[in-house]
């Protein structure tokens, strides 16, 4: 389970590492914030690409 979390936070951690030192306690907070933004963008992208069935269509 820990490996899944590490893989999901890899890209946000790299982005946060460009702006905040890894010794700073705010590093993981910033990394998690970037992760949330990227996750929302991926969900919105998937909703746009695969909108699903329209209601009433058979």
PDB file of N, CA and C in Angstrom:
ATOM      1  N   UNK A   1       0.819  -1.193   0.000  1.00  0.00           N
ATOM      2  CA  UNK A   1       0.000   0.000   0.000  1.00  0.00           C
ATOM      3  C   UNK A   1       0.867   1.262   0.000  1.00  0.00           C
ATOM      4  N   UNK A   2       1.985   1.189   0.698  1.00  0.00           N
ATOM      5  CA  UNK A   2       2.878   2.346   0.750  1.00  0.00           C
ATOM      6  C   UNK A   2       3.465   2.630  -0.627  1.00  0.00           C
ATOM      7  N   UNK A   3       3.743   1.578  -1.389  1.00  0.00           N
ATOM      8  CA  UNK A   3       4.319   1.770  -2.725  1.00  0.00           C
ATOM      9  C   UNK A   3       3.353   2.484  -3.648  1.00  0.00           C
ATOM     10  N   UNK A   4       2.067   2.208  -3.512  1.00  0.00           N
ATOM     11  CA  UNK A   4       1.070   2.891  -4.342  1.00  0.00           C
ATOM     12  C   UNK A   4       1.062   4.379  -4.025  1.00  0.00           C
ATOM     13  N   UNK A   5       1.111   4.709  -2.739  1.00  0.00           N
ATOM     14  CA  UNK A   5       1.129   6.119  -2.337  1.00  0.00           C
ATOM     15  C   UNK A   5       2.396   6.808  -2.843  1.00  0.00           C
ATOM     16  N   UNK A   6       3.517   6.128  -2.760  1.00  0.00           N
ATOM     17  CA  UNK A   6       4.767   6.725  -3.246  1.00  0.00           C
ATOM     18  C   UNK A   6       4.740   6.960  -4.751  1.00  0.00           C
ATOM     19  N   UNK A   7       4.173   6.029  -5.486  1.00  0.00           N
ATOM     20  CA  UNK A   7       4.079   6.205  -6.939  1.00  0.00           C
ATOM     21  C   UNK A   7       3.143   7.352  -7.298  1.00  0.00           C
ATOM     22  N   UNK A   8       2.031   7.476  -6.563  1.00  0.00           N
ATOM     23  CA  UNK A   8       1.090   8.561  -6.842  1.00  0.00           C
ATOM     24  C   UNK A   8       1.667   9.932  -6.493  1.00  0.00           C
ATOM     25  N   UNK A   9       2.553   9.980  -5.501  1.00  0.00           N
ATOM     26  CA  UNK A   9       3.130  11.251  -5.078  1.00  0.00           C
ATOM     27  C   UNK A   9       4.479  11.541  -5.723  1.00  0.00           C
ATOM     28  N   UNK A  10       4.920  10.712  -6.659  1.00  0.00           N
ATOM     29  CA  UNK A  10       6.232  10.904  -7.275  1.00  0.00           C
ATOM     30  C   UNK A  10       6.312  12.213  -8.060  1.00  0.00           C
ATOM     31  N   UNK A  11       5.405  12.426  -8.983  1.00  0.00           N
ATOM     32  CA  UNK A  11       5.444  13.641  -9.807  1.00  0.00           C
ATOM     33  C   UNK A  11       5.187  14.895  -8.975  1.00  0.00           C
ATOM     34  N   UNK A  12       4.167  14.913  -8.091  1.00  0.00           N
ATOM     35  CA  UNK A  12       3.990  16.107  -7.256  1.00  0.00           C
ATOM     36  C   UNK A  12       5.195  16.384  -6.357  1.00  0.00           C
ATOM     37  N   UNK A  13       5.859  15.335  -5.883  1.00  0.00           N
ATOM     38  CA  UNK A  13       7.037  15.541  -5.048  1.00  0.00           C
ATOM     39  C   UNK A  13       8.173  16.163  -5.854  1.00  0.00           C
ATOM     40  N   UNK A  14       8.316  15.754  -7.108  1.00  0.00           N
ATOM     41  CA  UNK A  14       9.347  16.357  -7.960  1.00  0.00           C
ATOM     42  C   UNK A  14       9.048  17.832  -8.218  1.00  0.00           C
ATOM     43  N   UNK A  15       7.775  18.147  -8.432  1.00  0.00           N
ATOM     44  CA  UNK A  15       7.393  19.545  -8.666  1.00  0.00           C
ATOM     45  C   UNK A  15       7.601  20.366  -7.400  1.00  0.00           C
ATOM     46  N   UNK A  16       7.180  19.845  -6.251  1.00  0.00           N
ATOM     47  CA  UNK A  16       7.340  20.570  -4.989  1.00  0.00           C
ATOM     48  C   UNK A  16       8.818  20.743  -4.647  1.00  0.00           C
ATOM     49  N   UNK A  17       9.635  19.766  -5.015  1.00  0.00           N
ATOM     50  CA  UNK A  17      11.064  19.843  -4.740  1.00  0.00           C
ATOM     51  C   UNK A  17      11.769  20.963  -5.485  1.00  0.00           C
ATOM     52  N   UNK A  18      11.168  21.433  -6.568  1.00  0.00           N
ATOM     53  CA  UNK A  18      11.759  22.547  -7.315  1.00  0.00           C
ATOM     54  C   UNK A  18      11.581  23.875  -6.579  1.00  0.00           C
ATOM     55  N   UNK A  19      10.579  23.965  -5.703  1.00  0.00           N
ATOM     56  CA  UNK A  19      10.251  25.233  -5.057  1.00  0.00           C
ATOM     57  C   UNK A  19      10.487  25.232  -3.554  1.00  0.00           C
ATOM     58  N   UNK A  20      10.450  24.061  -2.917  1.00  0.00           N
ATOM     59  CA  UNK A  20      10.563  23.967  -1.461  1.00  0.00           C
ATOM     60  C   UNK A  20      11.633  22.938  -1.121  1.00  0.00           C
ATOM     61  N   UNK A  21      12.442  23.242  -0.113  1.00  0.00           N
ATOM     62  CA  UNK A  21      13.456  22.297   0.338  1.00  0.00           C
ATOM     63  C   UNK A  21      12.783  21.074   0.965  1.00  0.00           C
ATOM     64  N   UNK A  22      13.373  19.902   0.766  1.00  0.00           N
ATOM     65  CA  UNK A  22      12.780  18.680   1.315  1.00  0.00           C
ATOM     66  C   UNK A  22      12.869  18.635   2.834  1.00  0.00           C
ATOM     67  N   UNK A  23      13.732  19.458   3.426  1.00  0.00           N
ATOM     68  CA  UNK A  23      13.837  19.510   4.881  1.00  0.00           C
ATOM     69  C   UNK A  23      12.722  20.337   5.505  1.00  0.00           C
ATOM     70  N   UNK A  24      12.061  21.143   4.711  1.00  0.00           N
ATOM     71  CA  UNK A  24      10.984  21.998   5.205  1.00  0.00           C
ATOM     72  C   UNK A  24       9.742  21.154   5.485  1.00  0.00           C
ATOM     73  N   UNK A  25       9.091  21.356   6.637  1.00  0.00           N
ATOM     74  CA  UNK A  25       7.872  20.585   6.938  1.00  0.00           C
ATOM     75  C   UNK A  25       6.731  20.828   5.950  1.00  0.00           C
ATOM     76  N   UNK A  26       6.761  21.942   5.256  1.00  0.00           N
ATOM     77  CA  UNK A  26       5.699  22.263   4.302  1.00  0.00           C
ATOM     78  C   UNK A  26       5.852  21.506   2.983  1.00  0.00           C
ATOM     79  N   UNK A  27       6.938  20.782   2.828  1.00  0.00           N
ATOM     80  CA  UNK A  27       7.218  20.078   1.574  1.00  0.00           C
ATOM     81  C   UNK A  27       6.113  19.085   1.234  1.00  0.00           C
ATOM     82  N   UNK A  28       5.748  18.226   2.180  1.00  0.00           N
ATOM     83  CA  UNK A  28       4.728  17.211   1.895  1.00  0.00           C
ATOM     84  C   UNK A  28       3.341  17.814   1.789  1.00  0.00           C
ATOM     85  N   UNK A  29       3.105  18.926   2.469  1.00  0.00           N
ATOM     86  CA  UNK A  29       1.822  19.622   2.321  1.00  0.00           C
ATOM     87  C   UNK A  29       1.703  20.173   0.906  1.00  0.00           C
ATOM     88  N   UNK A  30       2.776  20.786   0.421  1.00  0.00           N
ATOM     89  CA  UNK A  30       2.772  21.311  -0.949  1.00  0.00           C
ATOM     90  C   UNK A  30       2.672  20.172  -1.960  1.00  0.00           C
ATOM     91  N   UNK A  31       3.365  19.084  -1.702  1.00  0.00           N
ATOM     92  CA  UNK A  31       3.309  17.935  -2.604  1.00  0.00           C
ATOM     93  C   UNK A  31       1.894  17.366  -2.675  1.00  0.00           C
ATOM     94  N   UNK A  32       1.230  17.265  -1.538  1.00  0.00           N
ATOM     95  CA  UNK A  32      -0.137  16.743  -1.526  1.00  0.00           C
ATOM     96  C   UNK A  32      -1.095  17.706  -2.219  1.00  0.00           C
ATOM     97  N   UNK A  33      -0.884  19.012  -2.051  1.00  0.00           N
ATOM     98  CA  UNK A  33      -1.715  19.995  -2.753  1.00  0.00           C
ATOM     99  C   UNK A  33      -1.558  19.890  -4.261  1.00  0.00           C
ATOM    100  N   UNK A  34      -0.333  19.734  -4.722  1.00  0.00           N
ATOM    101  CA  UNK A  34      -0.086  19.562  -6.157  1.00  0.00           C
ATOM    102  C   UNK A  34      -0.713  18.260  -6.639  1.00  0.00           C
ATOM    103  N   UNK A  35      -0.631  17.211  -5.814  1.00  0.00           N
ATOM    104  CA  UNK A  35      -1.261  15.935  -6.158  1.00  0.00           C
ATOM    105  C   UNK A  35      -2.766  16.099  -6.341  1.00  0.00           C
ATOM    106  N   UNK A  36      -3.410  16.832  -5.436  1.00  0.00           N
ATOM    107  CA  UNK A  36      -4.859  17.031  -5.544  1.00  0.00           C
ATOM    108  C   UNK A  36      -5.223  17.789  -6.814  1.00  0.00           C
ATOM    109  N   UNK A  37      -4.445  18.810  -7.147  1.00  0.00           N
ATOM    110  CA  UNK A  37      -4.713  19.574  -8.369  1.00  0.00           C
ATOM    111  C   UNK A  37      -4.554  18.682  -9.598  1.00  0.00           C
ATOM    112  N   UNK A  38      -3.485  17.898  -9.650  1.00  0.00           N
ATOM    113  CA  UNK A  38      -3.271  17.000 -10.787  1.00  0.00           C
ATOM    114  C   UNK A  38      -4.366  15.939 -10.878  1.00  0.00           C
ATOM    115  N   UNK A  39      -4.824  15.433  -9.727  1.00  0.00           N
ATOM    116  CA  UNK A  39      -5.881  14.425  -9.733  1.00  0.00           C
ATOM    117  C   UNK A  39      -7.185  15.011 -10.268  1.00  0.00           C
ATOM    118  N   UNK A  40      -7.522  16.230  -9.849  1.00  0.00           N
ATOM    119  CA  UNK A  40      -8.740  16.881 -10.345  1.00  0.00           C
ATOM    120  C   UNK A  40      -8.634  17.125 -11.846  1.00  0.00           C
ATOM    121  N   UNK A  41      -7.473  17.562 -12.312  1.00  0.00           N
ATOM    122  CA  UNK A  41      -7.293  17.784 -13.743  1.00  0.00           C
ATOM    123  C   UNK A  41      -7.419  16.486 -14.536  1.00  0.00           C
ATOM    124  N   UNK A  42      -6.886  15.390 -14.002  1.00  0.00           N
ATOM    125  CA  UNK A  42      -7.015  14.105 -14.692  1.00  0.00           C
ATOM    126  C   UNK A  42      -8.467  13.636 -14.729  1.00  0.00           C
ATOM    127  N   UNK A  43      -9.199  13.840 -13.649  1.00  0.00           N
ATOM    128  CA  UNK A  43     -10.612  13.448 -13.618  1.00  0.00           C
ATOM    129  C   UNK A  43     -11.410  14.270 -14.616  1.00  0.00           C
ATOM    130  N   UNK A  44     -11.177  15.580 -14.643  1.00  0.00           N
ATOM    131  CA  UNK A  44     -11.889  16.429 -15.598  1.00  0.00           C
ATOM    132  C   UNK A  44     -11.539  16.066 -17.037  1.00  0.00           C
ATOM    133  N   UNK A  45     -10.275  15.753 -17.295  1.00  0.00           N
ATOM    134  CA  UNK A  45      -9.855  15.340 -18.630  1.00  0.00           C
ATOM    135  C   UNK A  45     -10.567  14.058 -19.045  1.00  0.00           C
ATOM    136  N   UNK A  46     -10.642  13.087 -18.131  1.00  0.00           N
ATOM    137  CA  UNK A  46     -11.326  11.832 -18.446  1.00  0.00           C
ATOM    138  C   UNK A  46     -12.820  12.035 -18.633  1.00  0.00           C
ATOM    139  N   UNK A  47     -13.414  12.946 -17.890  1.00  0.00           N
ATOM    140  CA  UNK A  47     -14.836  13.226 -18.073  1.00  0.00           C
ATOM    141  C   UNK A  47     -15.080  13.873 -19.429  1.00  0.00           C
ATOM    142  N   UNK A  48     -14.135  14.656 -19.898  1.00  0.00           N
ATOM    143  CA  UNK A  48     -14.272  15.305 -21.197  1.00  0.00           C
ATOM    144  C   UNK A  48     -14.070  14.303 -22.337  1.00  0.00           C
ATOM    145  N   UNK A  49     -13.082  13.426 -22.212  1.00  0.00           N
ATOM    146  CA  UNK A  49     -12.768  12.461 -23.261  1.00  0.00           C
ATOM    147  C   UNK A  49     -13.797  11.330 -23.299  1.00  0.00           C
ATOM    148  N   UNK A  50     -14.175  10.821 -22.137  1.00  0.00           N
ATOM    149  CA  UNK A  50     -15.128   9.710 -22.049  1.00  0.00           C
ATOM    150  C   UNK A  50     -16.364  10.174 -21.277  1.00  0.00           C
ATOM    151  N   UNK A  51     -17.267  10.896 -21.926  1.00  0.00           N
ATOM    152  CA  UNK A  51     -18.397  11.471 -21.188  1.00  0.00           C
ATOM    153  C   UNK A  51     -19.409  10.444 -20.700  1.00  0.00           C
ATOM    154  N   UNK A  52     -19.395   9.239 -21.210  1.00  0.00           N
ATOM    155  CA  UNK A  52     -20.345   8.223 -20.769  1.00  0.00           C
ATOM    156  C   UNK A  52     -21.630   8.296 -21.561  1.00  0.00           C
ATOM    157  N   UNK A  53     -22.565   7.482 -21.169  1.00  0.00           N
ATOM    158  CA  UNK A  53     -23.837   7.438 -21.882  1.00  0.00           C
ATOM    159  C   UNK A  53     -24.710   8.632 -21.497  1.00  0.00           C
ATOM    160  N   UNK A  54     -25.424   9.119 -22.466  1.00  0.00           N
ATOM    161  CA  UNK A  54     -26.428  10.148 -22.211  1.00  0.00           C
ATOM    162  C   UNK A  54     -27.662   9.472 -21.630  1.00  0.00           C
ATOM    163  N   UNK A  55     -28.354  10.158 -20.774  1.00  0.00           N
ATOM    164  CA  UNK A  55     -29.583   9.587 -20.223  1.00  0.00           C
ATOM    165  C   UNK A  55     -30.643   9.512 -21.304  1.00  0.00           C
ATOM    166  N   UNK A  56     -31.343   8.423 -21.333  1.00  0.00           N
ATOM    167  CA  UNK A  56     -32.408   8.246 -22.301  1.00  0.00           C
ATOM    168  C   UNK A  56     -31.966   7.565 -23.577  1.00  0.00           C
ATOM    169  N   UNK A  57     -30.662   7.411 -23.784  1.00  0.00           N
ATOM    170  CA  UNK A  57     -30.188   6.706 -24.978  1.00  0.00           C
ATOM    171  C   UNK A  57     -30.291   5.202 -24.758  1.00  0.00           C
ATOM    172  N   UNK A  58     -30.770   4.508 -25.770  1.00  0.00           N
ATOM    173  CA  UNK A  58     -30.878   3.046 -25.678  1.00  0.00           C
ATOM    174  C   UNK A  58     -29.933   2.374 -26.635  1.00  0.00           C
TER     175      UNK A  58
END
